[in-house]
Amino acid sequence: MSSELRLKKLRGSGGYVMATVTDEQQMKGNLGGPDLFLAPIGRLDVAKITKYFCNTCEKEFEGSPKIEFDNSNEEVAENLVLAEKGQYICNSCNASIAEYREFKKQDETGEIGSAKPIVESAPQVVEPTAQTPQEIVTQPDPVTSVSSIEGRTVIDENANKIGVAKQVGIDSTQSMVLVLTKNDGTEGSIPWNNIKKIGEVILLGNPEAVTQPGKCSNCGFGNKEGSKFCEECGTQL
């Protein structure tokens, strides 16, 4: 595949950037339509960005927006880590041009297992300085893209095939989702916490409820933790 760089418009929820990208980056940014998007590509080298447009300012600026990112290394599923999350920010009004998430496998030879919901942490406050750097980072780590779920069959809780997995993505609320191609050929998404198991196929199900210790499965009475029999109906716990 050619590694020639080409100048492209990459869209975000709050504007776009003009940047030189490789063929591989173009493939990541293509979600099936004529436009290319920043979110699937992740963090670009600021030297590759020639200008950007901010929807809030309604103005185009020369150079790169700020790129703020955090290497959270948060486990979101067995053997699947949210390695980095960040955003492109307008230098003039501090509005978000685009946000992104990058994932990696802890063990490249292993499979991705049970999904875990992402718990968003409070954003870090960055003190202003005389010269704001183009990138603000906490100890960057190398990131390996996760492509092992691509093409896997997605099965709902009733054992019906509903589509084929395409990629991990972020919805408009910045929540993690599974992007899939549905049976009718259209694109859809599934909230990540609706995924019960990822194996040869991706199995969906409602998020599991936490069982209260001592709760009787027969009558629902809340017994003391450690009780062997229900105090209400006598059922063995």
C-alpha atoms as a PDB file:
ATOM      1  CA  MET A   1       0.000   0.000   0.000  1.00  0.00           C
ATOM      2  CA  SER A   2       1.253   3.475  -0.869  1.00  0.00           C
ATOM      3  CA  SER A   3       2.467   5.589   2.059  1.00  0.00           C
ATOM      4  CA  GLU A   4       2.261   8.841   0.069  1.00  0.00           C
ATOM      5  CA  LEU A   5       0.903  11.751   2.102  1.00  0.00           C
ATOM      6  CA  ARG A   6      -2.158  13.586   0.801  1.00  0.00           C
ATOM      7  CA  LEU A   7      -3.821  16.789   2.035  1.00  0.00           C
ATOM      8  CA  LYS A   8      -7.341  15.945   3.265  1.00  0.00           C
ATOM      9  CA  LYS A   9     -10.214  17.575   5.143  1.00  0.00           C
ATOM     10  CA  LEU A  10     -10.901  15.659   8.369  1.00  0.00           C
ATOM     11  CA  ARG A  11     -14.195  16.478  10.065  1.00  0.00           C
ATOM     12  CA  GLY A  12     -15.043  16.652  13.753  1.00  0.00           C
ATOM     13  CA  SER A  13     -18.182  17.511  15.701  1.00  0.00           C
ATOM     14  CA  GLY A  14     -17.043  21.135  16.125  1.00  0.00           C
ATOM     15  CA  GLY A  15     -15.244  21.860  12.858  1.00  0.00           C
ATOM     16  CA  TYR A  16     -12.531  20.317  10.702  1.00  0.00           C
ATOM     17  CA  VAL A  17      -8.783  20.277  10.105  1.00  0.00           C
ATOM     18  CA  MET A  18      -6.778  20.182   6.889  1.00  0.00           C
ATOM     19  CA  ALA A  19      -3.912  17.719   7.278  1.00  0.00           C
ATOM     20  CA  THR A  20      -1.602  15.500   5.257  1.00  0.00           C
ATOM     21  CA  VAL A  21      -2.409  11.861   6.015  1.00  0.00           C
ATOM     22  CA  THR A  22      -1.301   8.422   4.851  1.00  0.00           C
ATOM     23  CA  ASP A  23      -3.451   5.892   3.011  1.00  0.00           C
ATOM     24  CA  GLU A  24      -3.808   3.923   6.258  1.00  0.00           C
ATOM     25  CA  GLN A  25      -5.061   6.998   8.120  1.00  0.00           C
ATOM     26  CA  GLN A  26      -7.519   7.718   5.301  1.00  0.00           C
ATOM     27  CA  MET A  27      -8.917   4.193   5.648  1.00  0.00           C
ATOM     28  CA  LYS A  28      -9.382   4.704   9.401  1.00  0.00           C
ATOM     29  CA  GLY A  29     -11.128   8.028   8.847  1.00  0.00           C
ATOM     30  CA  ASN A  30     -13.527   6.669   6.219  1.00  0.00           C
ATOM     31  CA  LEU A  31     -16.804   5.575   7.865  1.00  0.00           C
ATOM     32  CA  GLY A  32     -18.519   4.630   4.641  1.00  0.00           C
ATOM     33  CA  GLY A  33     -19.346   8.025   3.098  1.00  0.00           C
ATOM     34  CA  PRO A  34     -17.514  10.671   1.095  1.00  0.00           C
ATOM     35  CA  ASP A  35     -16.192  12.489   4.195  1.00  0.00           C
ATOM     36  CA  LEU A  36     -13.215  11.613   6.376  1.00  0.00           C
ATOM     37  CA  PHE A  37     -13.413  11.953  10.173  1.00  0.00           C
ATOM     38  CA  LEU A  38     -10.835  12.770  12.837  1.00  0.00           C
ATOM     39  CA  ALA A  39     -12.200  10.582  15.642  1.00  0.00           C
ATOM     40  CA  PRO A  40     -11.237   7.161  14.146  1.00  0.00           C
ATOM     41  CA  ILE A  41      -7.755   8.423  13.206  1.00  0.00           C
ATOM     42  CA  GLY A  42      -6.846   9.666  16.676  1.00  0.00           C
ATOM     43  CA  ARG A  43      -3.952  12.012  17.395  1.00  0.00           C
ATOM     44  CA  LEU A  44      -2.188  13.514  14.400  1.00  0.00           C
ATOM     45  CA  ASP A  45       1.274  15.065  14.320  1.00  0.00           C
ATOM     46  CA  VAL A  46       0.614  18.813  14.642  1.00  0.00           C
ATOM     47  CA  ALA A  47       3.229  19.437  11.939  1.00  0.00           C
ATOM     48  CA  LYS A  48       0.938  17.629   9.458  1.00  0.00           C
ATOM     49  CA  ILE A  49      -1.999  19.995  10.145  1.00  0.00           C
ATOM     50  CA  THR A  50      -1.960  23.086   7.917  1.00  0.00           C
ATOM     51  CA  LYS A  51      -5.158  24.831   9.090  1.00  0.00           C
ATOM     52  CA  TYR A  52      -8.453  24.242  10.861  1.00  0.00           C
ATOM     53  CA  PHE A  53     -12.004  25.587  10.993  1.00  0.00           C
ATOM     54  CA  CYS A  54     -13.894  26.219  14.255  1.00  0.00           C
ATOM     55  CA  ASN A  55     -17.721  26.080  14.107  1.00  0.00           C
ATOM     56  CA  THR A  56     -18.002  28.244  17.236  1.00  0.00           C
ATOM     57  CA  CYS A  57     -15.789  31.013  15.852  1.00  0.00           C
ATOM     58  CA  GLU A  58     -17.141  30.419  12.331  1.00  0.00           C
ATOM     59  CA  LYS A  59     -13.636  31.089  11.147  1.00  0.00           C
ATOM     60  CA  GLU A  60     -10.685  29.285   9.593  1.00  0.00           C
ATOM     61  CA  PHE A  61      -7.267  29.504  11.258  1.00  0.00           C
ATOM     62  CA  GLU A  62      -3.777  28.780   9.981  1.00  0.00           C
ATOM     63  CA  GLY A  63      -1.798  26.037  11.725  1.00  0.00           C
ATOM     64  CA  SER A  64      -2.943  23.381  14.147  1.00  0.00           C
ATOM     65  CA  PRO A  65      -5.454  23.533  16.998  1.00  0.00           C
ATOM     66  CA  LYS A  66      -4.288  22.491  20.448  1.00  0.00           C
ATOM     67  CA  ILE A  67      -4.309  18.751  21.092  1.00  0.00           C
ATOM     68  CA  GLU A  68      -4.886  17.802  24.725  1.00  0.00           C
ATOM     69  CA  PHE A  69      -4.807  14.120  25.616  1.00  0.00           C
ATOM     70  CA  ASP A  70      -4.505  11.743  28.537  1.00  0.00           C
ATOM     71  CA  ASN A  71      -3.057   8.223  28.610  1.00  0.00           C
ATOM     72  CA  SER A  72      -5.680   6.717  30.907  1.00  0.00           C
ATOM     73  CA  ASN A  73      -4.844   3.032  30.236  1.00  0.00           C
ATOM     74  CA  GLU A  74      -8.308   2.113  31.514  1.00  0.00           C
ATOM     75  CA  GLU A  75      -9.432  -1.489  31.030  1.00  0.00           C
ATOM     76  CA  VAL A  76     -12.820  -1.505  29.277  1.00  0.00           C
ATOM     77  CA  ALA A  77     -12.965  -5.244  28.569  1.00  0.00           C
ATOM     78  CA  GLU A  78     -10.845  -8.301  29.218  1.00  0.00           C
ATOM     79  CA  ASN A  79      -7.650  -7.675  27.243  1.00  0.00           C
ATOM     80  CA  LEU A  80      -8.950  -4.352  25.849  1.00  0.00           C
ATOM     81  CA  VAL A  81      -7.601  -1.051  27.190  1.00  0.00           C
ATOM     82  CA  LEU A  82      -8.629   2.545  26.530  1.00  0.00           C
ATOM     83  CA  ALA A  83      -5.056   3.689  25.966  1.00  0.00           C
ATOM     84  CA  GLU A  84      -5.628   7.338  25.154  1.00  0.00           C
ATOM     85  CA  LYS A  85      -8.441   9.871  25.002  1.00  0.00           C
ATOM     86  CA  GLY A  86      -8.061  13.420  23.790  1.00  0.00           C
ATOM     87  CA  GLN A  87      -9.480  16.316  21.863  1.00  0.00           C
ATOM     88  CA  TYR A  88      -8.583  18.986  19.330  1.00  0.00           C
ATOM     89  CA  ILE A  89      -9.275  22.458  20.798  1.00  0.00           C
ATOM     90  CA  CYS A  90      -9.574  25.835  19.090  1.00  0.00           C
ATOM     91  CA  ASN A  91      -6.708  28.173  20.073  1.00  0.00           C
ATOM     92  CA  SER A  92      -9.047  31.180  19.930  1.00  0.00           C
ATOM     93  CA  CYS A  93     -12.185  30.163  21.882  1.00  0.00           C
ATOM     94  CA  ASN A  94     -11.173  26.799  23.430  1.00  0.00           C
ATOM     95  CA  ALA A  95     -14.134  25.039  21.789  1.00  0.00           C
ATOM     96  CA  SER A  96     -13.731  21.363  20.920  1.00  0.00           C
ATOM     97  CA  ILE A  97     -13.078  20.679  17.245  1.00  0.00           C
ATOM     98  CA  ALA A  98     -13.096  16.887  17.665  1.00  0.00           C
ATOM     99  CA  GLU A  99     -12.629  14.184  20.292  1.00  0.00           C
ATOM    100  CA  TYR A 100     -11.102  10.739  19.916  1.00  0.00           C
ATOM    101  CA  ARG A 101     -10.403   7.479  21.764  1.00  0.00           C
ATOM    102  CA  GLU A 102      -7.625   4.985  21.013  1.00  0.00           C
ATOM    103  CA  PHE A 103      -7.604   1.371  22.185  1.00  0.00           C
ATOM    104  CA  LYS A 104      -5.042  -1.415  22.448  1.00  0.00           C
ATOM    105  CA  LYS A 105      -4.854  -5.043  23.480  1.00  0.00           C
ATOM    106  CA  GLN A 106      -2.743  -5.909  26.516  1.00  0.00           C
ATOM    107  CA  ASP A 107      -1.900  -9.291  25.024  1.00  0.00           C
ATOM    108  CA  GLU A 108      -1.722  -9.280  21.225  1.00  0.00           C
ATOM    109  CA  THR A 109      -2.006 -13.097  21.105  1.00  0.00           C
ATOM    110  CA  GLY A 110      -5.086 -13.186  23.338  1.00  0.00           C
ATOM    111  CA  GLU A 111      -8.769 -12.644  22.653  1.00  0.00           C
ATOM    112  CA  ILE A 112     -10.964  -9.802  23.885  1.00  0.00           C
ATOM    113  CA  GLY A 113     -13.330 -10.972  26.619  1.00  0.00           C
ATOM    114  CA  SER A 114     -16.221  -9.636  28.673  1.00  0.00           C
ATOM    115  CA  ALA A 115     -16.967  -5.951  28.235  1.00  0.00           C
ATOM    116  CA  LYS A 116     -16.849  -3.500  31.123  1.00  0.00           C
ATOM    117  CA  PRO A 117     -18.588  -0.097  31.174  1.00  0.00           C
ATOM    118  CA  ILE A 118     -16.391   2.987  30.971  1.00  0.00           C
ATOM    119  CA  VAL A 119     -16.544   5.284  33.987  1.00  0.00           C
ATOM    120  CA  GLU A 120     -15.565   8.786  32.952  1.00  0.00           C
ATOM    121  CA  SER A 121     -13.177  10.514  35.331  1.00  0.00           C
ATOM    122  CA  ALA A 122     -13.249  14.221  36.065  1.00  0.00           C
ATOM    123  CA  PRO A 123     -11.327  16.284  33.500  1.00  0.00           C
ATOM    124  CA  GLN A 124      -7.917  17.554  34.486  1.00  0.00           C
ATOM    125  CA  VAL A 125      -7.541  21.301  34.937  1.00  0.00           C
ATOM    126  CA  VAL A 126      -4.576  22.662  32.980  1.00  0.00           C
ATOM    127  CA  GLU A 127      -3.131  25.881  34.363  1.00  0.00           C
ATOM    128  CA  PRO A 128      -2.567  28.549  31.662  1.00  0.00           C
ATOM    129  CA  THR A 129       1.012  29.448  30.820  1.00  0.00           C
ATOM    130  CA  ALA A 130       2.623  32.251  28.871  1.00  0.00           C
ATOM    131  CA  GLN A 131       3.058  29.942  25.897  1.00  0.00           C
ATOM    132  CA  THR A 132       0.489  27.167  25.563  1.00  0.00           C
ATOM    133  CA  PRO A 133       2.077  24.093  23.957  1.00  0.00           C
ATOM    134  CA  GLN A 134       0.353  22.518  20.988  1.00  0.00           C
ATOM    135  CA  GLU A 135       0.153  19.218  22.872  1.00  0.00           C
ATOM    136  CA  ILE A 136      -0.462  18.560  26.573  1.00  0.00           C
ATOM    137  CA  VAL A 137       0.246  14.968  27.623  1.00  0.00           C
ATOM    138  CA  THR A 138       0.875  12.718  30.601  1.00  0.00           C
ATOM    139  CA  GLN A 139       3.564  10.135  29.768  1.00  0.00           C
ATOM    140  CA  PRO A 140       2.617   8.926  26.280  1.00  0.00           C
ATOM    141  CA  ASP A 141       2.524   5.193  25.574  1.00  0.00           C
ATOM    142  CA  PRO A 142       2.649   3.427  22.199  1.00  0.00           C
ATOM    143  CA  VAL A 143      -0.839   2.517  20.969  1.00  0.00           C
ATOM    144  CA  THR A 144      -1.787  -0.568  18.982  1.00  0.00           C
ATOM    145  CA  SER A 145      -5.087  -0.310  17.094  1.00  0.00           C
ATOM    146  CA  VAL A 146      -7.681  -2.963  17.906  1.00  0.00           C
ATOM    147  CA  SER A 147      -8.949  -4.603  14.732  1.00  0.00           C
ATOM    148  CA  SER A 148      -9.679  -8.114  16.055  1.00  0.00           C
ATOM    149  CA  ILE A 149     -13.425  -7.458  16.443  1.00  0.00           C
ATOM    150  CA  GLU A 150     -13.860  -6.294  12.850  1.00  0.00           C
ATOM    151  CA  GLY A 151     -16.017  -8.681  10.847  1.00  0.00           C
ATOM    152  CA  ARG A 152     -17.343 -10.642  13.844  1.00  0.00           C
ATOM    153  CA  THR A 153     -21.023 -11.553  13.883  1.00  0.00           C
ATOM    154  CA  VAL A 154     -23.147  -9.602  16.386  1.00  0.00           C
ATOM    155  CA  ILE A 155     -25.824 -11.714  18.126  1.00  0.00           C
ATOM    156  CA  ASP A 156     -28.613 -10.281  20.299  1.00  0.00           C
ATOM    157  CA  GLU A 157     -29.947 -11.774  23.549  1.00  0.00           C
ATOM    158  CA  ASN A 158     -32.520 -13.778  21.547  1.00  0.00           C
ATOM    159  CA  ALA A 159     -29.769 -15.495  19.496  1.00  0.00           C
ATOM    160  CA  ASN A 160     -30.627 -13.519  16.352  1.00  0.00           C
ATOM    161  CA  LYS A 161     -27.899 -12.179  14.081  1.00  0.00           C
ATOM    162  CA  ILE A 162     -28.311  -8.402  13.822  1.00  0.00           C
ATOM    163  CA  GLY A 163     -25.164  -7.481  11.902  1.00  0.00           C
ATOM    164  CA  VAL A 164     -21.375  -7.523  11.642  1.00  0.00           C
ATOM    165  CA  ALA A 165     -18.944  -5.561  13.849  1.00  0.00           C
ATOM    166  CA  LYS A 166     -17.060  -2.731  12.166  1.00  0.00           C
ATOM    167  CA  GLN A 167     -15.108  -0.895  14.857  1.00  0.00           C
ATOM    168  CA  VAL A 168     -15.113   0.609  18.353  1.00  0.00           C
ATOM    169  CA  GLY A 169     -16.388   4.185  18.328  1.00  0.00           C
ATOM    170  CA  ILE A 170     -17.681   7.117  20.354  1.00  0.00           C
ATOM    171  CA  ASP A 171     -21.230   8.473  20.114  1.00  0.00           C
ATOM    172  CA  SER A 172     -22.460  12.071  20.418  1.00  0.00           C
ATOM    173  CA  THR A 173     -22.467  11.833  24.239  1.00  0.00           C
ATOM    174  CA  GLN A 174     -18.812  10.675  24.177  1.00  0.00           C
ATOM    175  CA  SER A 175     -19.827   7.191  25.352  1.00  0.00           C
ATOM    176  CA  MET A 176     -18.102   4.119  23.976  1.00  0.00           C
ATOM    177  CA  VAL A 177     -20.091   2.142  21.383  1.00  0.00           C
ATOM    178  CA  LEU A 178     -19.670  -0.790  19.014  1.00  0.00           C
ATOM    179  CA  VAL A 179     -20.197   0.347  15.414  1.00  0.00           C
ATOM    180  CA  LEU A 180     -21.715  -2.362  13.214  1.00  0.00           C
ATOM    181  CA  THR A 181     -23.088  -2.946   9.746  1.00  0.00           C
ATOM    182  CA  LYS A 182     -26.669  -4.159  10.184  1.00  0.00           C
ATOM    183  CA  ASN A 183     -28.334  -6.929   8.181  1.00  0.00           C
ATOM    184  CA  ASP A 184     -29.970  -4.398   5.849  1.00  0.00           C
ATOM    185  CA  GLY A 185     -26.590  -2.821   5.003  1.00  0.00           C
ATOM    186  CA  THR A 186     -27.055   0.330   7.072  1.00  0.00           C
ATOM    187  CA  GLU A 187     -24.692   1.368   9.860  1.00  0.00           C
ATOM    188  CA  GLY A 188     -25.694   1.329  13.523  1.00  0.00           C
ATOM    189  CA  SER A 189     -24.163   1.328  16.978  1.00  0.00           C
ATOM    190  CA  ILE A 190     -24.578  -0.584  20.245  1.00  0.00           C
ATOM    191  CA  PRO A 191     -23.779   0.921  23.687  1.00  0.00           C
ATOM    192  CA  TRP A 192     -20.657  -0.795  24.999  1.00  0.00           C
ATOM    193  CA  ASN A 193     -22.263  -1.803  28.300  1.00  0.00           C
ATOM    194  CA  ASN A 194     -24.883  -3.784  26.321  1.00  0.00           C
ATOM    195  CA  ILE A 195     -22.168  -6.221  25.224  1.00  0.00           C
ATOM    196  CA  LYS A 196     -22.201  -9.367  27.357  1.00  0.00           C
ATOM    197  CA  LYS A 197     -19.334 -11.334  25.802  1.00  0.00           C
ATOM    198  CA  ILE A 198     -16.798 -10.963  22.991  1.00  0.00           C
ATOM    199  CA  GLY A 199     -15.501 -14.225  21.543  1.00  0.00           C
ATOM    200  CA  GLU A 200     -15.852 -15.828  18.120  1.00  0.00           C
ATOM    201  CA  VAL A 201     -19.074 -13.816  17.996  1.00  0.00           C
ATOM    202  CA  ILE A 202     -20.178 -10.697  19.901  1.00  0.00           C
ATOM    203  CA  LEU A 203     -23.059 -11.527  22.241  1.00  0.00           C
ATOM    204  CA  LEU A 204     -25.380  -8.779  23.424  1.00  0.00           C
ATOM    205  CA  GLY A 205     -27.384  -8.667  26.618  1.00  0.00           C
ATOM    206  CA  ASN A 206     -28.658  -6.269  29.233  1.00  0.00           C
ATOM    207  CA  PRO A 207     -26.046  -5.072  31.782  1.00  0.00           C
ATOM    208  CA  GLU A 208     -25.929  -7.607  34.609  1.00  0.00           C
ATOM    209  CA  ALA A 209     -27.471  -6.514  37.898  1.00  0.00           C
ATOM    210  CA  VAL A 210     -25.438  -6.889  41.072  1.00  0.00           C
ATOM    211  CA  THR A 211     -26.975  -9.495  43.392  1.00  0.00           C
ATOM    212  CA  GLN A 212     -27.422  -8.287  46.955  1.00  0.00           C
ATOM    213  CA  PRO A 213     -25.633 -10.594  49.454  1.00  0.00           C
ATOM    214  CA  GLY A 214     -28.190 -12.587  51.466  1.00  0.00           C
ATOM    215  CA  LYS A 215     -31.134 -11.819  49.157  1.00  0.00           C
ATOM    216  CA  CYS A 216     -33.489 -14.786  48.841  1.00  0.00           C
ATOM    217  CA  SER A 217     -33.969 -16.018  45.266  1.00  0.00           C
ATOM    218  CA  ASN A 218     -37.436 -17.339  46.170  1.00  0.00           C
ATOM    219  CA  CYS A 219     -39.161 -14.500  48.012  1.00  0.00           C
ATOM    220  CA  GLY A 220     -36.665 -11.637  47.672  1.00  0.00           C
ATOM    221  CA  PHE A 221     -36.245 -11.127  51.415  1.00  0.00           C
ATOM    222  CA  GLY A 222     -33.003  -9.392  52.392  1.00  0.00           C
ATOM    223  CA  ASN A 223     -31.275 -11.677  54.894  1.00  0.00           C
ATOM    224  CA  LYS A 224     -28.116 -10.933  56.815  1.00  0.00           C
ATOM    225  CA  GLU A 225     -24.952 -11.643  54.878  1.00  0.00           C
ATOM    226  CA  GLY A 226     -23.729 -15.140  55.675  1.00  0.00           C
ATOM    227  CA  SER A 227     -27.188 -16.573  56.381  1.00  0.00           C
ATOM    228  CA  LYS A 228     -27.664 -20.145  55.096  1.00  0.00           C
ATOM    229  CA  PHE A 229     -31.477 -20.130  55.101  1.00  0.00           C
ATOM    230  CA  CYS A 230     -34.028 -17.412  54.391  1.00  0.00           C
ATOM    231  CA  GLU A 231     -35.529 -15.992  57.580  1.00  0.00           C
ATOM    232  CA  GLU A 232     -38.812 -15.318  55.740  1.00  0.00           C
ATOM    233  CA  CYS A 233     -39.536 -18.516  53.787  1.00  0.00           C
ATOM    234  CA  GLY A 234     -36.800 -20.969  54.846  1.00  0.00           C
ATOM    235  CA  THR A 235     -35.329 -21.445  51.370  1.00  0.00           C
ATOM    236  CA  GLN A 236     -31.658 -22.459  51.371  1.00  0.00           C
ATOM    237  CA  LEU A 237     -29.485 -19.576  50.249  1.00  0.00           C
END
